[in-house]
């Protein structure tokens, strides 16, 4: 089983989670059902997944000479620190001023990050970055809800979606869209392999990939690329 299939087998399928939950008196103490469901679907769909349907989440000047791509996981504490700190400076100095095009691409280390991504993308590009802020600002709460219990984490993510203005029906539809989740995993895998991403947060600045760099270094790289 290649890396894509392995990831799908581990983290895919809230639809499978809900099926398990509804037939086991809400116990959810065996992740094997998700693993088996994911493996079965992964083998069937790998060859036919069309990742061109996934939209890059972008802000800033779409015609800027410099593009900055962030690779991040919603469950990564370092990514949360970046978004609650340096990202605000980056936004003020370079994104809001139109100096760069900024692209956010999700990395999926676990099913919880994938589910969070489903919520963030649920309302489309218009609300994506606002929901992303909510997810990172409350990361320590939702990502650890119930001591890491998947049912509690799903419920916490539901609440974030509702707080962001999504309807209950929209939240449920986005969380249970297995085809979309599989597509996101395949999209993520192609992105990180192409750009050589091995950890989060990582940044692609002017076509070159850098690991978790501080804001001063990021500014220097952006300024050099702008010359």
Foldseek 3Di string as FASTA:
>chain_A
DDPLLQQQLFAFFPVQVVVVCVVPVNPQPDSNSSNVVSNVVCVVCVVPQDLVVDDWQKAAAPPALKEKEWEAFLLDLLVLVCVVPVVVVCCVPDRVVRNYMYTYAYDDPHNLSLLLQLLLPLVHNVRNVVLSNVSSVCVVDLCCAPNNRPVRNLVVSLVSSVVSPDDSVSSVCSNRPRSVSSSSSVVNVVVCVVQVDDDPGWMQIPNHIDHDDDNVVVVVSSVVSND
